[in-house]
Amino acid sequence: MIDLRRLLGLTLIAAAGLALSITQSSAQLLRPDVGDEPGLIADDSIQLPPEFQKQAVLYRTTEPPGTIIISTNERYLYLVQGNGRAMRYGIGVGRDGFQWQGLVKITRKAEWPDWTPPAEMIQRQPYLPRFMAGGPGNPMGARALYLGTTVYRIHGTNRPDTIGTAVSSGCFRLVNADVSDLYERVPVGTKVVIRQKPEI
């Protein structure tokens, strides 16, 4: 015979655990975005750790040369060169709850882009400006590559210390020197593959 009191107790414990999980997820989504600091001038003299510095690497993929592959788990952006090689850049990626994957194209490029935080970001951080002209103190950094019709971009940053971390709202950050280098190498229309895990 089923012990109804025991069953009820287990049900309440499971419900409490689910509520805690939902509350923690909600809290993560409501946390302020690290690195969106309007007016902060990037310290471009900061040296990235060796593993996140731009470098040519061996890289096996079925994607054609010129494709950008972003591996969020690795914190790397690869620009496929062909012949089993790629240019690899260290990046900052979206924090928990803001990571995504998919296939898009670069639809626009901008130098020293203006910044208009989306409504969702303003809701989380009401103190942010509604608009900020491009320049050294802009969190978008020196260059931006716009991804499809999404609100996400590959862009520079005025917080080079966030490269290699997962703190953004879904955009992919590079130090200004690296995003400027990438900007010169890829045209509008470039295929961008965003993956959670590296290609096997």
N, C-alpha and C. Protein backbone atom coordinates (compact mmCIF):
# COMPACT_ATOMS: atom_id res chain seq x y z
N MET A 1 0.84 -1.20 0.00
CA MET A 1 0.00 0.00 0.00
C MET A 1 0.88 1.25 0.00
N ILE A 2 0.52 2.24 -0.81
CA ILE A 2 1.33 3.45 -0.92
C ILE A 2 1.15 4.31 0.32
N ASP A 3 2.28 4.75 0.89
CA ASP A 3 2.25 5.66 2.03
C ASP A 3 2.01 7.07 1.50
N LEU A 4 0.75 7.55 1.65
CA LEU A 4 0.39 8.86 1.07
C LEU A 4 1.18 10.00 1.69
N ARG A 5 1.46 9.89 3.00
CA ARG A 5 2.22 10.97 3.64
C ARG A 5 3.65 11.05 3.08
N ARG A 6 4.24 9.87 2.86
CA ARG A 6 5.60 9.84 2.30
C ARG A 6 5.60 10.38 0.87
N LEU A 7 4.60 9.97 0.08
CA LEU A 7 4.49 10.43 -1.30
C LEU A 7 4.30 11.95 -1.36
N LEU A 8 3.45 12.46 -0.45
CA LEU A 8 3.22 13.91 -0.39
C LEU A 8 4.50 14.65 -0.01
N GLY A 9 5.25 14.08 0.92
CA GLY A 9 6.51 14.69 1.35
C GLY A 9 7.51 14.76 0.21
N LEU A 10 7.63 13.66 -0.52
CA LEU A 10 8.57 13.63 -1.66
C LEU A 10 8.14 14.62 -2.74
N THR A 11 6.83 14.73 -2.97
CA THR A 11 6.32 15.68 -3.96
C THR A 11 6.66 17.11 -3.57
N LEU A 12 6.49 17.44 -2.28
CA LEU A 12 6.81 18.80 -1.80
C LEU A 12 8.29 19.11 -1.93
N ILE A 13 9.13 18.12 -1.63
CA ILE A 13 10.59 18.31 -1.76
C ILE A 13 10.97 18.57 -3.21
N ALA A 14 10.38 17.78 -4.12
CA ALA A 14 10.67 17.95 -5.56
C ALA A 14 10.20 19.32 -6.03
N ALA A 15 9.02 19.75 -5.59
CA ALA A 15 8.49 21.06 -5.99
C ALA A 15 9.38 22.18 -5.47
N ALA A 16 9.86 22.03 -4.23
CA ALA A 16 10.74 23.05 -3.65
C ALA A 16 12.04 23.13 -4.44
N GLY A 17 12.57 21.96 -4.82
CA GLY A 17 13.81 21.94 -5.61
C GLY A 17 13.63 22.61 -6.95
N LEU A 18 12.48 22.36 -7.61
CA LEU A 18 12.19 22.99 -8.91
C LEU A 18 12.06 24.49 -8.75
N ALA A 19 11.38 24.93 -7.69
CA ALA A 19 11.22 26.37 -7.46
C ALA A 19 12.56 27.04 -7.24
N LEU A 20 13.46 26.38 -6.47
CA LEU A 20 14.79 26.91 -6.23
C LEU A 20 15.57 27.02 -7.52
N SER A 21 15.47 25.97 -8.37
CA SER A 21 16.17 25.97 -9.66
C SER A 21 15.68 27.11 -10.54
N ILE A 22 14.36 27.32 -10.60
CA ILE A 22 13.80 28.40 -11.40
C ILE A 22 14.24 29.75 -10.87
N THR A 23 14.23 29.90 -9.51
CA THR A 23 14.64 31.16 -8.89
C THR A 23 16.09 31.46 -9.20
N GLN A 24 16.96 30.43 -9.14
CA GLN A 24 18.38 30.64 -9.44
C GLN A 24 18.58 31.04 -10.89
N SER A 25 17.83 30.38 -11.82
CA SER A 25 17.94 30.73 -13.24
C SER A 25 17.47 32.16 -13.47
N SER A 26 16.37 32.55 -12.82
CA SER A 26 15.86 33.91 -12.97
C SER A 26 16.87 34.92 -12.45
N ALA A 27 17.50 34.57 -11.32
CA ALA A 27 18.50 35.48 -10.74
C ALA A 27 19.68 35.66 -11.68
N GLN A 28 20.09 34.57 -12.37
CA GLN A 28 21.19 34.68 -13.33
C GLN A 28 20.83 35.62 -14.46
N LEU A 29 19.58 35.53 -14.94
CA LEU A 29 19.16 36.37 -16.06
C LEU A 29 19.04 37.83 -15.65
N LEU A 30 18.78 38.09 -14.37
CA LEU A 30 18.61 39.46 -13.92
C LEU A 30 19.91 40.11 -13.46
N ARG A 31 20.97 39.32 -13.36
CA ARG A 31 22.25 39.87 -12.93
C ARG A 31 22.75 40.91 -13.93
N PRO A 32 23.38 41.99 -13.46
CA PRO A 32 23.92 42.98 -14.41
C PRO A 32 24.97 42.36 -15.33
N ASP A 33 25.07 42.91 -16.53
CA ASP A 33 26.04 42.44 -17.50
C ASP A 33 27.42 43.00 -17.14
N VAL A 34 28.39 42.13 -17.02
CA VAL A 34 29.75 42.57 -16.70
C VAL A 34 30.41 43.07 -17.98
N GLY A 35 31.03 44.20 -17.92
CA GLY A 35 31.76 44.71 -19.08
C GLY A 35 31.04 45.81 -19.82
N ASP A 36 29.76 46.02 -19.54
CA ASP A 36 29.03 47.12 -20.18
C ASP A 36 29.21 48.37 -19.32
N GLU A 37 30.37 48.96 -19.44
CA GLU A 37 30.71 50.12 -18.62
C GLU A 37 30.95 51.33 -19.50
N PRO A 38 29.89 52.06 -19.81
CA PRO A 38 30.01 53.24 -20.67
C PRO A 38 31.02 54.23 -20.10
N GLY A 39 31.89 54.72 -20.98
CA GLY A 39 32.85 55.74 -20.58
C GLY A 39 34.19 55.20 -20.14
N LEU A 40 34.27 53.91 -19.84
CA LEU A 40 35.54 53.33 -19.43
C LEU A 40 36.46 53.23 -20.65
N ILE A 41 37.66 53.76 -20.54
CA ILE A 41 38.63 53.67 -21.64
C ILE A 41 39.42 52.37 -21.48
N ALA A 42 39.42 51.56 -22.52
CA ALA A 42 40.10 50.26 -22.46
C ALA A 42 41.58 50.43 -22.23
N ASP A 43 42.13 49.59 -21.38
CA ASP A 43 43.58 49.55 -21.19
C ASP A 43 44.12 48.53 -22.20
N ASP A 44 44.45 49.03 -23.40
CA ASP A 44 44.89 48.14 -24.47
C ASP A 44 46.31 47.61 -24.27
N SER A 45 46.95 48.03 -23.16
CA SER A 45 48.28 47.50 -22.86
C SER A 45 48.18 46.17 -22.12
N ILE A 46 46.95 45.80 -21.70
CA ILE A 46 46.77 44.52 -21.01
C ILE A 46 47.15 43.38 -21.95
N GLN A 47 48.00 42.50 -21.47
CA GLN A 47 48.44 41.35 -22.26
C GLN A 47 47.52 40.18 -21.97
N LEU A 48 46.89 39.64 -23.01
CA LEU A 48 46.04 38.46 -22.82
C LEU A 48 46.90 37.26 -22.45
N PRO A 49 46.34 36.30 -21.69
CA PRO A 49 47.06 35.04 -21.46
C PRO A 49 47.41 34.41 -22.81
N PRO A 50 48.54 33.71 -22.91
CA PRO A 50 48.98 33.14 -24.19
C PRO A 50 47.91 32.37 -24.94
N GLU A 51 47.07 31.61 -24.21
CA GLU A 51 46.07 30.78 -24.89
C GLU A 51 44.97 31.59 -25.55
N PHE A 52 44.82 32.87 -25.17
CA PHE A 52 43.78 33.70 -25.78
C PHE A 52 44.33 34.75 -26.75
N GLN A 53 45.63 34.71 -26.99
CA GLN A 53 46.22 35.63 -27.97
C GLN A 53 45.97 35.11 -29.38
N LYS A 54 45.80 36.03 -30.32
CA LYS A 54 45.57 35.67 -31.72
C LYS A 54 46.74 34.84 -32.23
N GLN A 55 46.42 33.72 -32.89
CA GLN A 55 47.48 32.87 -33.42
C GLN A 55 46.95 31.94 -34.51
N ALA A 56 47.83 31.56 -35.42
CA ALA A 56 47.50 30.56 -36.43
C ALA A 56 47.62 29.19 -35.78
N VAL A 57 46.59 28.35 -36.01
CA VAL A 57 46.57 27.03 -35.39
C VAL A 57 46.16 25.97 -36.41
N LEU A 58 46.48 24.73 -36.11
CA LEU A 58 45.96 23.62 -36.89
C LEU A 58 44.50 23.46 -36.50
N TYR A 59 43.63 23.31 -37.51
CA TYR A 59 42.19 23.23 -37.21
C TYR A 59 41.50 22.44 -38.30
N ARG A 60 40.93 21.32 -37.90
CA ARG A 60 40.27 20.44 -38.86
C ARG A 60 38.77 20.76 -38.88
N THR A 61 38.24 21.03 -40.07
CA THR A 61 36.82 21.32 -40.21
C THR A 61 36.37 21.02 -41.63
N THR A 62 35.08 20.80 -41.79
CA THR A 62 34.52 20.61 -43.13
C THR A 62 34.03 21.94 -43.71
N GLU A 63 34.09 23.01 -42.91
CA GLU A 63 33.64 24.32 -43.39
C GLU A 63 34.67 24.92 -44.35
N PRO A 64 34.22 25.67 -45.36
CA PRO A 64 35.16 26.23 -46.34
C PRO A 64 35.96 27.40 -45.78
N PRO A 65 37.10 27.71 -46.41
CA PRO A 65 37.89 28.86 -45.99
C PRO A 65 37.04 30.14 -45.99
N GLY A 66 37.32 31.00 -45.02
CA GLY A 66 36.57 32.24 -44.89
C GLY A 66 35.43 32.16 -43.90
N THR A 67 35.07 30.94 -43.48
CA THR A 67 34.00 30.76 -42.50
C THR A 67 34.51 31.12 -41.11
N ILE A 68 33.66 31.75 -40.32
CA ILE A 68 33.95 31.99 -38.90
C ILE A 68 33.24 30.89 -38.10
N ILE A 69 33.98 30.25 -37.21
CA ILE A 69 33.40 29.26 -36.30
C ILE A 69 33.66 29.73 -34.88
N ILE A 70 32.59 29.87 -34.11
CA ILE A 70 32.70 30.29 -32.72
C ILE A 70 32.41 29.09 -31.84
N SER A 71 33.35 28.76 -30.95
CA SER A 71 33.18 27.68 -29.99
C SER A 71 33.04 28.31 -28.61
N THR A 72 31.78 28.40 -28.14
CA THR A 72 31.56 29.13 -26.89
C THR A 72 32.20 28.42 -25.70
N ASN A 73 32.18 27.08 -25.67
CA ASN A 73 32.78 26.37 -24.55
C ASN A 73 34.29 26.58 -24.47
N GLU A 74 34.93 26.67 -25.63
CA GLU A 74 36.38 26.86 -25.66
C GLU A 74 36.78 28.32 -25.46
N ARG A 75 35.84 29.24 -25.73
CA ARG A 75 36.11 30.69 -25.70
C ARG A 75 37.04 31.09 -26.85
N TYR A 76 36.80 30.48 -28.03
CA TYR A 76 37.60 30.79 -29.20
C TYR A 76 36.72 31.11 -30.40
N LEU A 77 37.21 32.01 -31.23
CA LEU A 77 36.65 32.26 -32.55
C LEU A 77 37.71 31.84 -33.55
N TYR A 78 37.32 31.00 -34.52
CA TYR A 78 38.23 30.52 -35.55
C TYR A 78 37.82 31.13 -36.89
N LEU A 79 38.78 31.65 -37.62
CA LEU A 79 38.58 32.05 -39.01
C LEU A 79 39.27 31.00 -39.86
N VAL A 80 38.48 30.19 -40.55
CA VAL A 80 39.02 29.05 -41.31
C VAL A 80 39.88 29.56 -42.47
N GLN A 81 41.11 29.03 -42.57
CA GLN A 81 42.05 29.42 -43.61
C GLN A 81 42.15 28.40 -44.73
N GLY A 82 41.75 27.16 -44.43
CA GLY A 82 41.92 26.08 -45.40
C GLY A 82 43.18 25.30 -45.11
N ASN A 83 43.33 24.17 -45.76
CA ASN A 83 44.51 23.31 -45.57
C ASN A 83 44.73 22.94 -44.11
N GLY A 84 43.62 22.75 -43.38
CA GLY A 84 43.73 22.33 -42.00
C GLY A 84 44.23 23.39 -41.04
N ARG A 85 44.07 24.65 -41.40
CA ARG A 85 44.56 25.72 -40.53
C ARG A 85 43.46 26.76 -40.32
N ALA A 86 43.63 27.53 -39.26
CA ALA A 86 42.70 28.62 -38.96
C ALA A 86 43.42 29.69 -38.15
N MET A 87 42.91 30.91 -38.21
CA MET A 87 43.36 31.96 -37.31
C MET A 87 42.45 31.89 -36.10
N ARG A 88 43.03 31.81 -34.91
CA ARG A 88 42.24 31.66 -33.68
C ARG A 88 42.36 32.90 -32.81
N TYR A 89 41.20 33.36 -32.34
CA TYR A 89 41.13 34.54 -31.46
C TYR A 89 40.48 34.15 -30.15
N GLY A 90 41.00 34.66 -29.03
CA GLY A 90 40.33 34.49 -27.75
C GLY A 90 39.14 35.43 -27.66
N ILE A 91 38.05 34.96 -27.08
CA ILE A 91 36.84 35.76 -27.01
C ILE A 91 36.20 35.67 -25.63
N GLY A 92 35.31 36.62 -25.35
CA GLY A 92 34.39 36.54 -24.23
C GLY A 92 33.03 36.15 -24.79
N VAL A 93 32.28 35.34 -24.04
CA VAL A 93 31.00 34.82 -24.55
C VAL A 93 29.88 35.09 -23.54
N GLY A 94 28.67 34.70 -23.92
CA GLY A 94 27.51 34.91 -23.08
C GLY A 94 27.56 34.07 -21.81
N ARG A 95 27.07 34.66 -20.73
CA ARG A 95 27.03 33.94 -19.47
C ARG A 95 25.88 32.92 -19.50
N ASP A 96 25.74 32.12 -18.43
CA ASP A 96 24.68 31.13 -18.35
C ASP A 96 23.33 31.79 -18.58
N GLY A 97 22.52 31.18 -19.44
CA GLY A 97 21.22 31.74 -19.77
C GLY A 97 21.24 32.63 -21.00
N PHE A 98 22.45 33.00 -21.46
CA PHE A 98 22.59 33.89 -22.63
C PHE A 98 23.44 33.28 -23.72
N GLN A 99 23.82 32.00 -23.57
CA GLN A 99 24.60 31.35 -24.62
C GLN A 99 23.64 30.78 -25.66
N TRP A 100 24.08 30.74 -26.89
CA TRP A 100 23.23 30.27 -27.97
C TRP A 100 24.09 29.65 -29.05
N GLN A 101 23.45 28.97 -29.99
CA GLN A 101 24.18 28.41 -31.12
C GLN A 101 23.32 28.52 -32.37
N GLY A 102 23.95 28.44 -33.51
CA GLY A 102 23.20 28.54 -34.75
C GLY A 102 24.09 28.89 -35.92
N LEU A 103 23.45 29.17 -37.03
CA LEU A 103 24.14 29.51 -38.28
C LEU A 103 23.59 30.84 -38.77
N VAL A 104 24.46 31.84 -38.89
CA VAL A 104 24.06 33.17 -39.34
C VAL A 104 25.10 33.70 -40.33
N LYS A 105 24.84 34.87 -40.86
CA LYS A 105 25.81 35.55 -41.71
C LYS A 105 26.07 36.95 -41.16
N ILE A 106 27.22 37.47 -41.48
CA ILE A 106 27.49 38.87 -41.13
C ILE A 106 26.68 39.74 -42.08
N THR A 107 25.80 40.55 -41.50
CA THR A 107 24.91 41.38 -42.31
C THR A 107 25.35 42.83 -42.38
N ARG A 108 26.26 43.22 -41.47
CA ARG A 108 26.72 44.61 -41.48
C ARG A 108 28.03 44.69 -40.72
N LYS A 109 28.85 45.67 -41.08
CA LYS A 109 30.10 45.93 -40.37
C LYS A 109 30.15 47.41 -40.02
N ALA A 110 30.74 47.73 -38.88
CA ALA A 110 30.84 49.15 -38.48
C ALA A 110 32.14 49.39 -37.73
N GLU A 111 32.76 50.53 -38.03
CA GLU A 111 33.94 50.98 -37.29
C GLU A 111 33.51 51.92 -36.19
N TRP A 112 34.05 51.74 -34.99
CA TRP A 112 33.67 52.51 -33.81
C TRP A 112 32.15 52.68 -33.76
N PRO A 113 31.44 51.55 -33.65
CA PRO A 113 29.97 51.57 -33.75
C PRO A 113 29.31 52.31 -32.58
N ASP A 114 28.15 52.89 -32.88
CA ASP A 114 27.31 53.42 -31.82
C ASP A 114 26.73 52.25 -31.04
N TRP A 115 26.25 52.54 -29.85
CA TRP A 115 25.68 51.50 -29.00
C TRP A 115 24.28 51.90 -28.56
N THR A 116 23.30 51.08 -28.90
CA THR A 116 21.92 51.25 -28.44
C THR A 116 21.54 49.97 -27.71
N PRO A 117 21.69 49.95 -26.38
CA PRO A 117 21.36 48.72 -25.65
C PRO A 117 19.93 48.28 -25.90
N PRO A 118 19.69 46.97 -26.15
CA PRO A 118 18.32 46.50 -26.36
C PRO A 118 17.46 46.70 -25.10
N ALA A 119 16.15 46.69 -25.29
CA ALA A 119 15.21 46.94 -24.19
C ALA A 119 15.41 45.96 -23.04
N GLU A 120 15.73 44.70 -23.37
CA GLU A 120 15.93 43.70 -22.31
C GLU A 120 17.12 44.05 -21.43
N MET A 121 18.16 44.60 -22.04
CA MET A 121 19.35 44.98 -21.29
C MET A 121 19.05 46.20 -20.42
N ILE A 122 18.28 47.13 -20.96
CA ILE A 122 17.88 48.33 -20.19
C ILE A 122 17.05 47.91 -18.98
N GLN A 123 16.21 46.90 -19.16
CA GLN A 123 15.38 46.42 -18.06
C GLN A 123 16.24 45.86 -16.93
N ARG A 124 17.32 45.15 -17.29
CA ARG A 124 18.23 44.59 -16.29
C ARG A 124 19.11 45.66 -15.67
N GLN A 125 19.47 46.66 -16.48
CA GLN A 125 20.39 47.71 -16.03
C GLN A 125 19.83 49.08 -16.40
N PRO A 126 18.84 49.58 -15.66
CA PRO A 126 18.17 50.82 -16.03
C PRO A 126 19.07 52.05 -16.07
N TYR A 127 20.25 51.95 -15.47
CA TYR A 127 21.19 53.07 -15.43
C TYR A 127 21.96 53.23 -16.74
N LEU A 128 21.86 52.25 -17.66
CA LEU A 128 22.61 52.35 -18.92
C LEU A 128 22.05 53.46 -19.80
N PRO A 129 22.91 54.07 -20.63
CA PRO A 129 22.40 55.07 -21.57
C PRO A 129 21.52 54.41 -22.62
N ARG A 130 20.57 55.15 -23.15
CA ARG A 130 19.71 54.61 -24.21
C ARG A 130 20.44 54.64 -25.55
N PHE A 131 21.46 55.48 -25.63
CA PHE A 131 22.27 55.57 -26.85
C PHE A 131 23.64 56.11 -26.45
N MET A 132 24.68 55.58 -27.11
CA MET A 132 26.04 56.10 -26.88
C MET A 132 26.78 56.09 -28.21
N ALA A 133 27.30 57.24 -28.58
CA ALA A 133 28.06 57.35 -29.83
C ALA A 133 29.34 56.53 -29.73
N GLY A 134 29.79 56.03 -30.89
CA GLY A 134 31.00 55.23 -30.93
C GLY A 134 32.22 56.01 -30.48
N GLY A 135 33.18 55.30 -29.95
CA GLY A 135 34.41 55.93 -29.48
C GLY A 135 35.12 55.03 -28.48
N PRO A 136 36.27 55.45 -28.00
CA PRO A 136 37.08 54.61 -27.10
C PRO A 136 36.37 54.19 -25.82
N GLY A 137 35.43 54.97 -25.31
CA GLY A 137 34.74 54.61 -24.08
C GLY A 137 33.48 53.80 -24.30
N ASN A 138 33.21 53.43 -25.55
CA ASN A 138 32.00 52.69 -25.88
C ASN A 138 32.22 51.19 -25.64
N PRO A 139 31.31 50.50 -24.93
CA PRO A 139 31.49 49.06 -24.67
C PRO A 139 31.54 48.19 -25.94
N MET A 140 31.11 48.75 -27.09
CA MET A 140 31.18 47.99 -28.35
C MET A 140 32.59 47.94 -28.92
N GLY A 141 33.47 48.79 -28.42
CA GLY A 141 34.84 48.76 -28.87
C GLY A 141 35.05 49.32 -30.27
N ALA A 142 36.16 48.92 -30.88
CA ALA A 142 36.63 49.53 -32.13
C ALA A 142 35.87 49.09 -33.37
N ARG A 143 35.32 47.88 -33.37
CA ARG A 143 34.64 47.35 -34.57
C ARG A 143 33.49 46.46 -34.14
N ALA A 144 32.50 46.33 -35.04
CA ALA A 144 31.39 45.41 -34.79
C ALA A 144 31.01 44.71 -36.08
N LEU A 145 30.73 43.43 -35.96
CA LEU A 145 30.23 42.61 -37.06
C LEU A 145 28.85 42.11 -36.60
N TYR A 146 27.81 42.53 -37.30
CA TYR A 146 26.43 42.23 -36.89
C TYR A 146 26.01 40.87 -37.42
N LEU A 147 25.37 40.07 -36.56
CA LEU A 147 25.08 38.68 -36.87
C LEU A 147 23.62 38.48 -37.27
N GLY A 148 23.39 38.30 -38.56
CA GLY A 148 22.06 38.05 -39.08
C GLY A 148 21.08 39.13 -38.69
N THR A 149 19.87 38.72 -38.30
CA THR A 149 18.85 39.67 -37.85
C THR A 149 18.75 39.67 -36.32
N THR A 150 19.74 39.06 -35.66
CA THR A 150 19.73 39.00 -34.19
C THR A 150 20.19 40.32 -33.60
N VAL A 151 20.12 40.43 -32.29
CA VAL A 151 20.66 41.61 -31.58
C VAL A 151 22.13 41.38 -31.22
N TYR A 152 22.69 40.23 -31.64
CA TYR A 152 24.04 39.87 -31.24
C TYR A 152 25.08 40.32 -32.26
N ARG A 153 26.31 40.53 -31.74
CA ARG A 153 27.40 40.99 -32.59
C ARG A 153 28.71 40.36 -32.15
N ILE A 154 29.64 40.33 -33.05
CA ILE A 154 31.04 40.11 -32.70
C ILE A 154 31.60 41.52 -32.61
N HIS A 155 32.15 41.89 -31.47
CA HIS A 155 32.59 43.29 -31.33
C HIS A 155 33.79 43.41 -30.41
N GLY A 156 34.34 44.60 -30.37
CA GLY A 156 35.45 44.89 -29.47
C GLY A 156 34.94 45.09 -28.06
N THR A 157 35.80 45.59 -27.20
CA THR A 157 35.39 45.81 -25.81
C THR A 157 36.27 46.85 -25.15
N ASN A 158 35.70 47.52 -24.15
CA ASN A 158 36.54 48.39 -23.32
C ASN A 158 36.90 47.67 -22.01
N ARG A 159 36.65 46.35 -21.99
CA ARG A 159 37.03 45.52 -20.84
C ARG A 159 37.83 44.31 -21.33
N PRO A 160 39.10 44.51 -21.74
CA PRO A 160 39.88 43.37 -22.24
C PRO A 160 40.06 42.26 -21.21
N ASP A 161 39.88 42.59 -19.94
CA ASP A 161 40.02 41.57 -18.90
C ASP A 161 38.89 40.54 -18.92
N THR A 162 37.84 40.77 -19.72
CA THR A 162 36.74 39.79 -19.79
C THR A 162 36.94 38.75 -20.89
N ILE A 163 38.03 38.85 -21.66
CA ILE A 163 38.29 37.85 -22.70
C ILE A 163 38.61 36.51 -22.01
N GLY A 164 37.98 35.44 -22.52
CA GLY A 164 38.16 34.13 -21.91
C GLY A 164 37.12 33.82 -20.85
N THR A 165 36.19 34.76 -20.63
CA THR A 165 35.16 34.55 -19.62
C THR A 165 33.78 34.47 -20.27
N ALA A 166 32.79 34.09 -19.46
CA ALA A 166 31.39 34.02 -19.93
C ALA A 166 30.58 34.99 -19.09
N VAL A 167 30.50 36.25 -19.54
CA VAL A 167 29.82 37.27 -18.75
C VAL A 167 28.90 38.17 -19.57
N SER A 168 28.90 38.04 -20.89
CA SER A 168 28.13 38.96 -21.72
C SER A 168 26.67 38.56 -21.81
N SER A 169 25.89 39.35 -22.54
CA SER A 169 24.47 39.06 -22.76
C SER A 169 24.25 38.30 -24.07
N GLY A 170 25.28 37.66 -24.58
CA GLY A 170 25.14 36.84 -25.78
C GLY A 170 26.02 37.25 -26.93
N CYS A 171 26.61 38.47 -26.86
CA CYS A 171 27.55 38.89 -27.89
C CYS A 171 28.91 38.23 -27.66
N PHE A 172 29.76 38.33 -28.68
CA PHE A 172 31.10 37.76 -28.62
C PHE A 172 32.12 38.89 -28.67
N ARG A 173 32.94 39.00 -27.63
CA ARG A 173 33.88 40.11 -27.50
C ARG A 173 35.30 39.69 -27.83
N LEU A 174 36.01 40.58 -28.49
CA LEU A 174 37.44 40.42 -28.73
C LEU A 174 38.11 41.71 -28.26
N VAL A 175 39.41 41.66 -27.97
CA VAL A 175 40.12 42.90 -27.70
C VAL A 175 40.10 43.73 -28.98
N ASN A 176 40.25 45.03 -28.85
CA ASN A 176 40.11 45.92 -30.00
C ASN A 176 41.07 45.60 -31.14
N ALA A 177 42.32 45.25 -30.82
CA ALA A 177 43.28 44.93 -31.88
C ALA A 177 42.83 43.69 -32.66
N ASP A 178 42.29 42.70 -31.96
CA ASP A 178 41.86 41.47 -32.63
C ASP A 178 40.61 41.67 -33.46
N VAL A 179 39.63 42.42 -32.93
CA VAL A 179 38.41 42.62 -33.71
C VAL A 179 38.70 43.48 -34.93
N SER A 180 39.66 44.39 -34.83
CA SER A 180 40.05 45.20 -35.99
C SER A 180 40.72 44.33 -37.05
N ASP A 181 41.53 43.38 -36.61
CA ASP A 181 42.19 42.44 -37.53
C ASP A 181 41.14 41.58 -38.23
N LEU A 182 40.21 41.03 -37.46
CA LEU A 182 39.15 40.19 -38.03
C LEU A 182 38.29 40.98 -39.01
N TYR A 183 37.98 42.20 -38.64
CA TYR A 183 37.15 43.09 -39.46
C TYR A 183 37.73 43.26 -40.86
N GLU A 184 39.04 43.38 -40.95
CA GLU A 184 39.71 43.56 -42.24
C GLU A 184 39.73 42.26 -43.07
N ARG A 185 39.62 41.13 -42.41
CA ARG A 185 39.75 39.84 -43.09
C ARG A 185 38.43 39.29 -43.64
N VAL A 186 37.29 39.76 -43.11
CA VAL A 186 36.01 39.14 -43.51
C VAL A 186 35.04 40.17 -44.08
N PRO A 187 34.34 39.82 -45.15
CA PRO A 187 33.35 40.73 -45.74
C PRO A 187 31.95 40.49 -45.19
N VAL A 188 31.05 41.42 -45.49
CA VAL A 188 29.63 41.20 -45.23
C VAL A 188 29.21 39.96 -46.02
N GLY A 189 28.37 39.14 -45.43
CA GLY A 189 27.95 37.88 -46.07
C GLY A 189 28.71 36.68 -45.57
N THR A 190 29.77 36.89 -44.76
CA THR A 190 30.55 35.77 -44.23
C THR A 190 29.67 34.86 -43.38
N LYS A 191 29.83 33.56 -43.59
CA LYS A 191 29.10 32.56 -42.81
C LYS A 191 29.70 32.46 -41.41
N VAL A 192 28.83 32.45 -40.40
CA VAL A 192 29.26 32.33 -39.01
C VAL A 192 28.53 31.16 -38.37
N VAL A 193 29.31 30.21 -37.87
CA VAL A 193 28.76 29.02 -37.20
C VAL A 193 29.04 29.16 -35.71
N ILE A 194 27.99 29.18 -34.90
CA ILE A 194 28.15 29.28 -33.46
C ILE A 194 27.86 27.91 -32.86
N ARG A 195 28.83 27.35 -32.15
CA ARG A 195 28.69 26.02 -31.55
C ARG A 195 28.95 26.10 -30.06
N GLN A 196 28.24 25.26 -29.31
CA GLN A 196 28.51 25.14 -27.87
C GLN A 196 29.75 24.28 -27.64
N LYS A 197 29.93 23.28 -28.50
CA LYS A 197 31.05 22.36 -28.33
C LYS A 197 31.92 22.39 -29.57
N PRO A 198 33.23 22.12 -29.41
CA PRO A 198 34.11 22.10 -30.58
C PRO A 198 33.75 21.00 -31.55
N GLU A 199 34.10 21.21 -32.82
CA GLU A 199 33.84 20.20 -33.87
C GLU A 199 34.72 18.99 -33.63
N ILE A 200 34.16 17.82 -33.80
CA ILE A 200 34.94 16.57 -33.60
C ILE A 200 35.57 16.17 -34.93
